[in-house]
């Protein structure tokens, strides 16, 4: 039987060789679903060793519960069986054989895990557990990267170049007032020499010529 939540998965089984392989695949798939791929090998090895111990040593039956839980940055894997006896870690390999394949389950778990321990539960059995440090969650590709703050500055208004009434360029807003027009008028220019008054005889001469032609 399998029950699971967003960060918790429980598998109940008999610790038989055929079922141990199935649970190993279930644990691997669950960790892959949680994006904990770097922990798959250690967790699968640890749960295999714990289930193998139940298969070999647990009494009066081989029923057990595998529990994996992710809390913050720690993954906890535990196996509960009905045997109240507390397992011990051998000081050395059996008969001094460094290549022994049995009797070293808890030593392997201690080597690959961050912490491990045994929790007695009276007549109902015991729970053997170990923890692994979880890597940080991957970045969400759908989330846009934070943009650097940009301060926009409005361009400065360029001065308007206009023409005054006497033809010279002047800087300003382009609007002229009456006083400005008077300042640049030829009549008010103090440096301009006054023009001579026209000769009265010169003005009358053309009129006399026109009278002679008409006669």
C-alpha atoms as a PDB file:
ATOM      1  CA  UNK A   1       0.000   0.000   0.000  1.00  0.00           C
ATOM      2  CA  UNK A   2       1.283   3.483  -0.922  1.00  0.00           C
ATOM      3  CA  UNK A   3       0.140   6.782   0.563  1.00  0.00           C
ATOM      4  CA  UNK A   4       1.698  10.136  -0.220  1.00  0.00           C
ATOM      5  CA  UNK A   5       1.293  13.876   0.115  1.00  0.00           C
ATOM      6  CA  UNK A   6       3.213  16.775  -1.349  1.00  0.00           C
ATOM      7  CA  UNK A   7       6.313  16.051   0.784  1.00  0.00           C
ATOM      8  CA  UNK A   8       5.569  12.707   2.413  1.00  0.00           C
ATOM      9  CA  UNK A   9       5.402   9.163   1.027  1.00  0.00           C
ATOM     10  CA  UNK A  10       4.658   5.918   2.903  1.00  0.00           C
ATOM     11  CA  UNK A  11       4.888   2.349   1.583  1.00  0.00           C
ATOM     12  CA  UNK A  12       3.679  -0.687   3.555  1.00  0.00           C
ATOM     13  CA  UNK A  13       5.023  -4.089   2.458  1.00  0.00           C
ATOM     14  CA  UNK A  14       6.492  -7.434   3.386  1.00  0.00           C
ATOM     15  CA  UNK A  15      10.279  -7.288   3.218  1.00  0.00           C
ATOM     16  CA  UNK A  16      10.705 -10.004   0.603  1.00  0.00           C
ATOM     17  CA  UNK A  17      13.463  -9.877  -2.030  1.00  0.00           C
ATOM     18  CA  UNK A  18      10.957  -9.287  -4.845  1.00  0.00           C
ATOM     19  CA  UNK A  19       9.322  -6.385  -2.997  1.00  0.00           C
ATOM     20  CA  UNK A  20      12.593  -4.738  -1.965  1.00  0.00           C
ATOM     21  CA  UNK A  21      13.420  -3.986  -5.602  1.00  0.00           C
ATOM     22  CA  UNK A  22       9.954  -2.483  -6.129  1.00  0.00           C
ATOM     23  CA  UNK A  23      10.305  -0.185  -3.133  1.00  0.00           C
ATOM     24  CA  UNK A  24      13.727   0.888  -4.347  1.00  0.00           C
ATOM     25  CA  UNK A  25      12.160   1.989  -7.644  1.00  0.00           C
ATOM     26  CA  UNK A  26       9.293   3.731  -5.825  1.00  0.00           C
ATOM     27  CA  UNK A  27      11.725   5.745  -3.690  1.00  0.00           C
ATOM     28  CA  UNK A  28      13.775   6.707  -6.754  1.00  0.00           C
ATOM     29  CA  UNK A  29      10.690   7.858  -8.651  1.00  0.00           C
ATOM     30  CA  UNK A  30       9.422   9.877  -5.683  1.00  0.00           C
ATOM     31  CA  UNK A  31      12.713  11.710  -5.235  1.00  0.00           C
ATOM     32  CA  UNK A  32      12.843  12.444  -8.946  1.00  0.00           C
ATOM     33  CA  UNK A  33       9.337  13.907  -8.685  1.00  0.00           C
ATOM     34  CA  UNK A  34      10.546  16.118  -5.822  1.00  0.00           C
ATOM     35  CA  UNK A  35      13.536  17.247  -7.951  1.00  0.00           C
ATOM     36  CA  UNK A  36      15.959  15.525  -5.556  1.00  0.00           C
ATOM     37  CA  UNK A  37      17.872  13.571  -8.180  1.00  0.00           C
ATOM     38  CA  UNK A  38      21.255  13.986  -6.402  1.00  0.00           C
ATOM     39  CA  UNK A  39      19.883  12.006  -3.420  1.00  0.00           C
ATOM     40  CA  UNK A  40      18.499   9.030  -5.344  1.00  0.00           C
ATOM     41  CA  UNK A  41      21.566   6.781  -5.056  1.00  0.00           C
ATOM     42  CA  UNK A  42      22.104   7.326  -1.312  1.00  0.00           C
ATOM     43  CA  UNK A  43      18.415   7.003  -0.446  1.00  0.00           C
ATOM     44  CA  UNK A  44      17.923   3.890  -2.575  1.00  0.00           C
ATOM     45  CA  UNK A  45      21.015   2.247  -1.084  1.00  0.00           C
ATOM     46  CA  UNK A  46      19.935   3.092   2.458  1.00  0.00           C
ATOM     47  CA  UNK A  47      16.363   1.846   2.111  1.00  0.00           C
ATOM     48  CA  UNK A  48      17.617  -1.356   0.445  1.00  0.00           C
ATOM     49  CA  UNK A  49      19.946  -2.068   3.381  1.00  0.00           C
ATOM     50  CA  UNK A  50      17.206  -1.430   5.949  1.00  0.00           C
ATOM     51  CA  UNK A  51      14.717  -3.670   4.177  1.00  0.00           C
ATOM     52  CA  UNK A  52      17.354  -6.380   3.801  1.00  0.00           C
ATOM     53  CA  UNK A  53      17.908  -6.287   7.569  1.00  0.00           C
ATOM     54  CA  UNK A  54      14.174  -6.705   8.135  1.00  0.00           C
ATOM     55  CA  UNK A  55      14.078  -9.630   5.708  1.00  0.00           C
ATOM     56  CA  UNK A  56      16.994 -11.382   7.429  1.00  0.00           C
ATOM     57  CA  UNK A  57      16.503 -10.601  11.098  1.00  0.00           C
ATOM     58  CA  UNK A  58      13.018  -9.282  11.922  1.00  0.00           C
ATOM     59  CA  UNK A  59      10.614 -11.460  13.939  1.00  0.00           C
ATOM     60  CA  UNK A  60       7.831 -12.514  14.234  1.00  0.00           C
ATOM     61  CA  UNK A  61       6.976 -11.332  10.711  1.00  0.00           C
ATOM     62  CA  UNK A  62       8.449  -9.383   7.812  1.00  0.00           C
ATOM     63  CA  UNK A  63       5.824  -6.631   7.655  1.00  0.00           C
ATOM     64  CA  UNK A  64       7.266  -3.135   7.669  1.00  0.00           C
ATOM     65  CA  UNK A  65       6.555   0.471   6.684  1.00  0.00           C
ATOM     66  CA  UNK A  66       8.914   2.639   4.623  1.00  0.00           C
ATOM     67  CA  UNK A  67       8.505   6.353   5.193  1.00  0.00           C
ATOM     68  CA  UNK A  68      10.234   9.167   3.301  1.00  0.00           C
ATOM     69  CA  UNK A  69       9.646  12.795   4.227  1.00  0.00           C
ATOM     70  CA  UNK A  70      11.097  16.107   3.041  1.00  0.00           C
ATOM     71  CA  UNK A  71      11.191  18.854   5.660  1.00  0.00           C
ATOM     72  CA  UNK A  72      12.928  22.095   4.708  1.00  0.00           C
ATOM     73  CA  UNK A  73      16.445  21.053   3.690  1.00  0.00           C
ATOM     74  CA  UNK A  74      16.413  17.499   5.140  1.00  0.00           C
ATOM     75  CA  UNK A  75      15.202  14.227   3.660  1.00  0.00           C
ATOM     76  CA  UNK A  76      14.374  11.563   6.260  1.00  0.00           C
ATOM     77  CA  UNK A  77      14.049   7.889   5.295  1.00  0.00           C
ATOM     78  CA  UNK A  78      12.832   5.403   7.911  1.00  0.00           C
ATOM     79  CA  UNK A  79      11.756   1.746   8.123  1.00  0.00           C
ATOM     80  CA  UNK A  80       9.500   0.507  10.915  1.00  0.00           C
ATOM     81  CA  UNK A  81       9.207  -3.231  11.680  1.00  0.00           C
ATOM     82  CA  UNK A  82       7.596  -5.307  14.436  1.00  0.00           C
ATOM     83  CA  UNK A  83      10.816  -6.610  16.013  1.00  0.00           C
ATOM     84  CA  UNK A  84      11.642  -4.669  19.234  1.00  0.00           C
ATOM     85  CA  UNK A  85      15.283  -5.764  19.268  1.00  0.00           C
ATOM     86  CA  UNK A  86      17.756  -2.949  18.651  1.00  0.00           C
ATOM     87  CA  UNK A  87      20.326  -3.602  15.907  1.00  0.00           C
ATOM     88  CA  UNK A  88      24.011  -2.893  16.506  1.00  0.00           C
ATOM     89  CA  UNK A  89      26.779  -1.808  14.201  1.00  0.00           C
ATOM     90  CA  UNK A  90      29.628  -4.345  13.972  1.00  0.00           C
ATOM     91  CA  UNK A  91      33.033  -2.958  14.901  1.00  0.00           C
ATOM     92  CA  UNK A  92      34.642  -4.682  11.906  1.00  0.00           C
ATOM     93  CA  UNK A  93      33.637  -6.849   9.011  1.00  0.00           C
ATOM     94  CA  UNK A  94      32.654 -10.417   9.958  1.00  0.00           C
ATOM     95  CA  UNK A  95      35.702 -12.717  10.236  1.00  0.00           C
ATOM     96  CA  UNK A  96      37.912  -9.822   9.124  1.00  0.00           C
ATOM     97  CA  UNK A  97      36.647 -10.067   5.539  1.00  0.00           C
ATOM     98  CA  UNK A  98      36.725  -6.567   4.046  1.00  0.00           C
ATOM     99  CA  UNK A  99      34.653  -7.753   1.066  1.00  0.00           C
ATOM    100  CA  UNK A 100      31.832  -9.298   3.124  1.00  0.00           C
ATOM    101  CA  UNK A 101      28.369  -8.661   1.677  1.00  0.00           C
ATOM    102  CA  UNK A 102      26.435  -9.175   4.939  1.00  0.00           C
ATOM    103  CA  UNK A 103      26.524  -7.631   8.388  1.00  0.00           C
ATOM    104  CA  UNK A 104      27.506  -4.220   7.112  1.00  0.00           C
ATOM    105  CA  UNK A 105      24.099  -2.644   6.384  1.00  0.00           C
ATOM    106  CA  UNK A 106      24.153  -0.069   9.188  1.00  0.00           C
ATOM    107  CA  UNK A 107      27.800   0.728   8.503  1.00  0.00           C
ATOM    108  CA  UNK A 108      26.919   1.602   4.905  1.00  0.00           C
ATOM    109  CA  UNK A 109      24.007   3.731   6.073  1.00  0.00           C
ATOM    110  CA  UNK A 110      26.278   5.592   8.491  1.00  0.00           C
ATOM    111  CA  UNK A 111      28.742   6.195   5.653  1.00  0.00           C
ATOM    112  CA  UNK A 112      26.269   7.606   3.087  1.00  0.00           C
ATOM    113  CA  UNK A 113      23.912   9.522   5.403  1.00  0.00           C
ATOM    114  CA  UNK A 114      24.187  12.755   7.335  1.00  0.00           C
ATOM    115  CA  UNK A 115      22.694  11.226  10.514  1.00  0.00           C
ATOM    116  CA  UNK A 116      21.052   7.957  11.447  1.00  0.00           C
ATOM    117  CA  UNK A 117      19.540   6.310  14.513  1.00  0.00           C
ATOM    118  CA  UNK A 118      17.131   3.812  16.031  1.00  0.00           C
ATOM    119  CA  UNK A 119      13.901   4.758  17.791  1.00  0.00           C
ATOM    120  CA  UNK A 120      12.503   1.989  20.041  1.00  0.00           C
ATOM    121  CA  UNK A 121       8.701   1.763  20.169  1.00  0.00           C
ATOM    122  CA  UNK A 122       8.179  -0.779  22.923  1.00  0.00           C
ATOM    123  CA  UNK A 123       6.358  -3.988  22.082  1.00  0.00           C
ATOM    124  CA  UNK A 124       5.248  -2.613  18.701  1.00  0.00           C
ATOM    125  CA  UNK A 125       8.778  -2.744  17.292  1.00  0.00           C
ATOM    126  CA  UNK A 126      11.318  -0.125  16.314  1.00  0.00           C
ATOM    127  CA  UNK A 127      12.103   2.462  13.619  1.00  0.00           C
ATOM    128  CA  UNK A 128      15.507   2.793  11.995  1.00  0.00           C
ATOM    129  CA  UNK A 129      16.014   6.113  10.193  1.00  0.00           C
ATOM    130  CA  UNK A 130      18.633   8.189   8.395  1.00  0.00           C
ATOM    131  CA  UNK A 131      18.743  11.714   6.970  1.00  0.00           C
ATOM    132  CA  UNK A 132      20.254  13.286   3.865  1.00  0.00           C
ATOM    133  CA  UNK A 133      20.918  16.964   3.213  1.00  0.00           C
ATOM    134  CA  UNK A 134      18.601  18.146   0.427  1.00  0.00           C
ATOM    135  CA  UNK A 135      20.037  20.411  -2.287  1.00  0.00           C
ATOM    136  CA  UNK A 136      18.451  23.837  -2.844  1.00  0.00           C
ATOM    137  CA  UNK A 137      15.419  23.810  -5.170  1.00  0.00           C
ATOM    138  CA  UNK A 138      16.135  24.641  -8.833  1.00  0.00           C
ATOM    139  CA  UNK A 139      15.213  28.064 -10.157  1.00  0.00           C
ATOM    140  CA  UNK A 140      11.831  28.318 -11.828  1.00  0.00           C
ATOM    141  CA  UNK A 141      12.461  28.908 -15.577  1.00  0.00           C
ATOM    142  CA  UNK A 142       9.050  30.554 -15.901  1.00  0.00           C
ATOM    143  CA  UNK A 143       9.992  33.265 -13.434  1.00  0.00           C
ATOM    144  CA  UNK A 144      11.620  36.260 -15.155  1.00  0.00           C
ATOM    145  CA  UNK A 145      15.023  37.315 -13.952  1.00  0.00           C
ATOM    146  CA  UNK A 146      14.968  40.466 -11.818  1.00  0.00           C
ATOM    147  CA  UNK A 147      15.736  43.518 -13.908  1.00  0.00           C
ATOM    148  CA  UNK A 148      18.181  46.166 -12.804  1.00  0.00           C
ATOM    149  CA  UNK A 149      16.582  49.402 -11.724  1.00  0.00           C
ATOM    150  CA  UNK A 150      16.818  52.057 -14.436  1.00  0.00           C
ATOM    151  CA  UNK A 151      16.287  55.739 -13.686  1.00  0.00           C
ATOM    152  CA  UNK A 152      14.888  57.582 -16.675  1.00  0.00           C
ATOM    153  CA  UNK A 153      15.858  61.212 -17.135  1.00  0.00           C
ATOM    154  CA  UNK A 154      13.885  63.542 -19.379  1.00  0.00           C
ATOM    155  CA  UNK A 155      16.010  65.291 -22.012  1.00  0.00           C
ATOM    156  CA  UNK A 156      16.698  68.939 -21.372  1.00  0.00           C
ATOM    157  CA  UNK A 157      14.781  71.350 -23.566  1.00  0.00           C
ATOM    158  CA  UNK A 158      17.070  72.966 -26.156  1.00  0.00           C
ATOM    159  CA  UNK A 159      16.909  76.785 -26.362  1.00  0.00           C
ATOM    160  CA  UNK A 160      14.907  78.197 -29.258  1.00  0.00           C
ATOM    161  CA  UNK A 161      16.879  80.349 -31.725  1.00  0.00           C
ATOM    162  CA  UNK A 162      14.798  83.125 -33.266  1.00  0.00           C
ATOM    163  CA  UNK A 163      15.353  86.196 -35.409  1.00  0.00           C
ATOM    164  CA  UNK A 164      14.854  89.675 -34.076  1.00  0.00           C
ATOM    165  CA  UNK A 165      13.320  92.385 -36.265  1.00  0.00           C
ATOM    166  CA  UNK A 166      16.722  93.746 -37.333  1.00  0.00           C
ATOM    167  CA  UNK A 167      17.765  90.314 -38.754  1.00  0.00           C
ATOM    168  CA  UNK A 168      20.129  89.305 -35.913  1.00  0.00           C
ATOM    169  CA  UNK A 169      19.774  85.883 -34.185  1.00  0.00           C
ATOM    170  CA  UNK A 170      18.822  85.760 -30.561  1.00  0.00           C
ATOM    171  CA  UNK A 171      18.280  82.985 -28.041  1.00  0.00           C
ATOM    172  CA  UNK A 172      14.982  82.815 -26.247  1.00  0.00           C
ATOM    173  CA  UNK A 173      11.596  81.280 -26.361  1.00  0.00           C
ATOM    174  CA  UNK A 174      10.735  82.686 -29.801  1.00  0.00           C
ATOM    175  CA  UNK A 175       8.160  85.117 -28.419  1.00  0.00           C
ATOM    176  CA  UNK A 176       8.784  88.814 -28.824  1.00  0.00           C
ATOM    177  CA  UNK A 177       7.298  91.620 -26.795  1.00  0.00           C
ATOM    178  CA  UNK A 178       6.648  95.170 -27.819  1.00  0.00           C
ATOM    179  CA  UNK A 179       9.597  96.465 -25.812  1.00  0.00           C
ATOM    180  CA  UNK A 180      11.989  94.063 -27.588  1.00  0.00           C
ATOM    181  CA  UNK A 181      10.716  95.240 -30.993  1.00  0.00           C
ATOM    182  CA  UNK A 182      11.236  98.856 -30.029  1.00  0.00           C
ATOM    183  CA  UNK A 183      14.787  98.162 -28.822  1.00  0.00           C
ATOM    184  CA  UNK A 184      15.788  96.717 -32.208  1.00  0.00           C
ATOM    185  CA  UNK A 185      13.922  99.225 -34.408  1.00  0.00           C
ATOM    186  CA  UNK A 186      16.146 101.524 -36.552  1.00  0.00           C
ATOM    187  CA  UNK A 187      14.469 104.623 -35.167  1.00  0.00           C
ATOM    188  CA  UNK A 188      15.516 103.753 -31.596  1.00  0.00           C
ATOM    189  CA  UNK A 189      19.045 102.526 -32.422  1.00  0.00           C
ATOM    190  CA  UNK A 190      21.345 105.051 -30.635  1.00  0.00           C
ATOM    191  CA  UNK A 191      24.405 104.094 -32.731  1.00  0.00           C
ATOM    192  CA  UNK A 192      22.676 104.607 -36.100  1.00  0.00           C
ATOM    193  CA  UNK A 193      23.427 108.015 -37.784  1.00  0.00           C
ATOM    194  CA  UNK A 194      20.312 110.086 -38.599  1.00  0.00           C
ATOM    195  CA  UNK A 195      19.461 110.270 -42.292  1.00  0.00           C
ATOM    196  CA  UNK A 196      19.533 113.790 -43.896  1.00  0.00           C
ATOM    197  CA  UNK A 197      16.259 115.541 -44.611  1.00  0.00           C
ATOM    198  CA  UNK A 198      15.317 115.445 -48.349  1.00  0.00           C
ATOM    199  CA  UNK A 199      15.880 118.680 -50.409  1.00  0.00           C
ATOM    200  CA  UNK A 200      12.609 120.487 -51.165  1.00  0.00           C
ATOM    201  CA  UNK A 201      13.871 121.538 -54.640  1.00  0.00           C
ATOM    202  CA  UNK A 202      14.774 117.946 -55.494  1.00  0.00           C
ATOM    203  CA  UNK A 203      11.278 116.860 -54.564  1.00  0.00           C
ATOM    204  CA  UNK A 204       9.621 119.584 -56.677  1.00  0.00           C
ATOM    205  CA  UNK A 205      11.813 119.012 -59.749  1.00  0.00           C
ATOM    206  CA  UNK A 206      10.193 115.730 -60.844  1.00  0.00           C
ATOM    207  CA  UNK A 207       6.773 117.318 -60.501  1.00  0.00           C
ATOM    208  CA  UNK A 208       7.823 120.183 -62.809  1.00  0.00           C
ATOM    209  CA  UNK A 209       9.166 117.747 -65.356  1.00  0.00           C
ATOM    210  CA  UNK A 210       5.897 115.850 -65.436  1.00  0.00           C
ATOM    211  CA  UNK A 211       4.038 119.182 -66.044  1.00  0.00           C
ATOM    212  CA  UNK A 212       6.254 120.028 -69.037  1.00  0.00           C
ATOM    213  CA  UNK A 213       5.645 116.681 -70.663  1.00  0.00           C
ATOM    214  CA  UNK A 214       1.974 116.976 -70.170  1.00  0.00           C
ATOM    215  CA  UNK A 215       1.928 120.432 -71.902  1.00  0.00           C
END
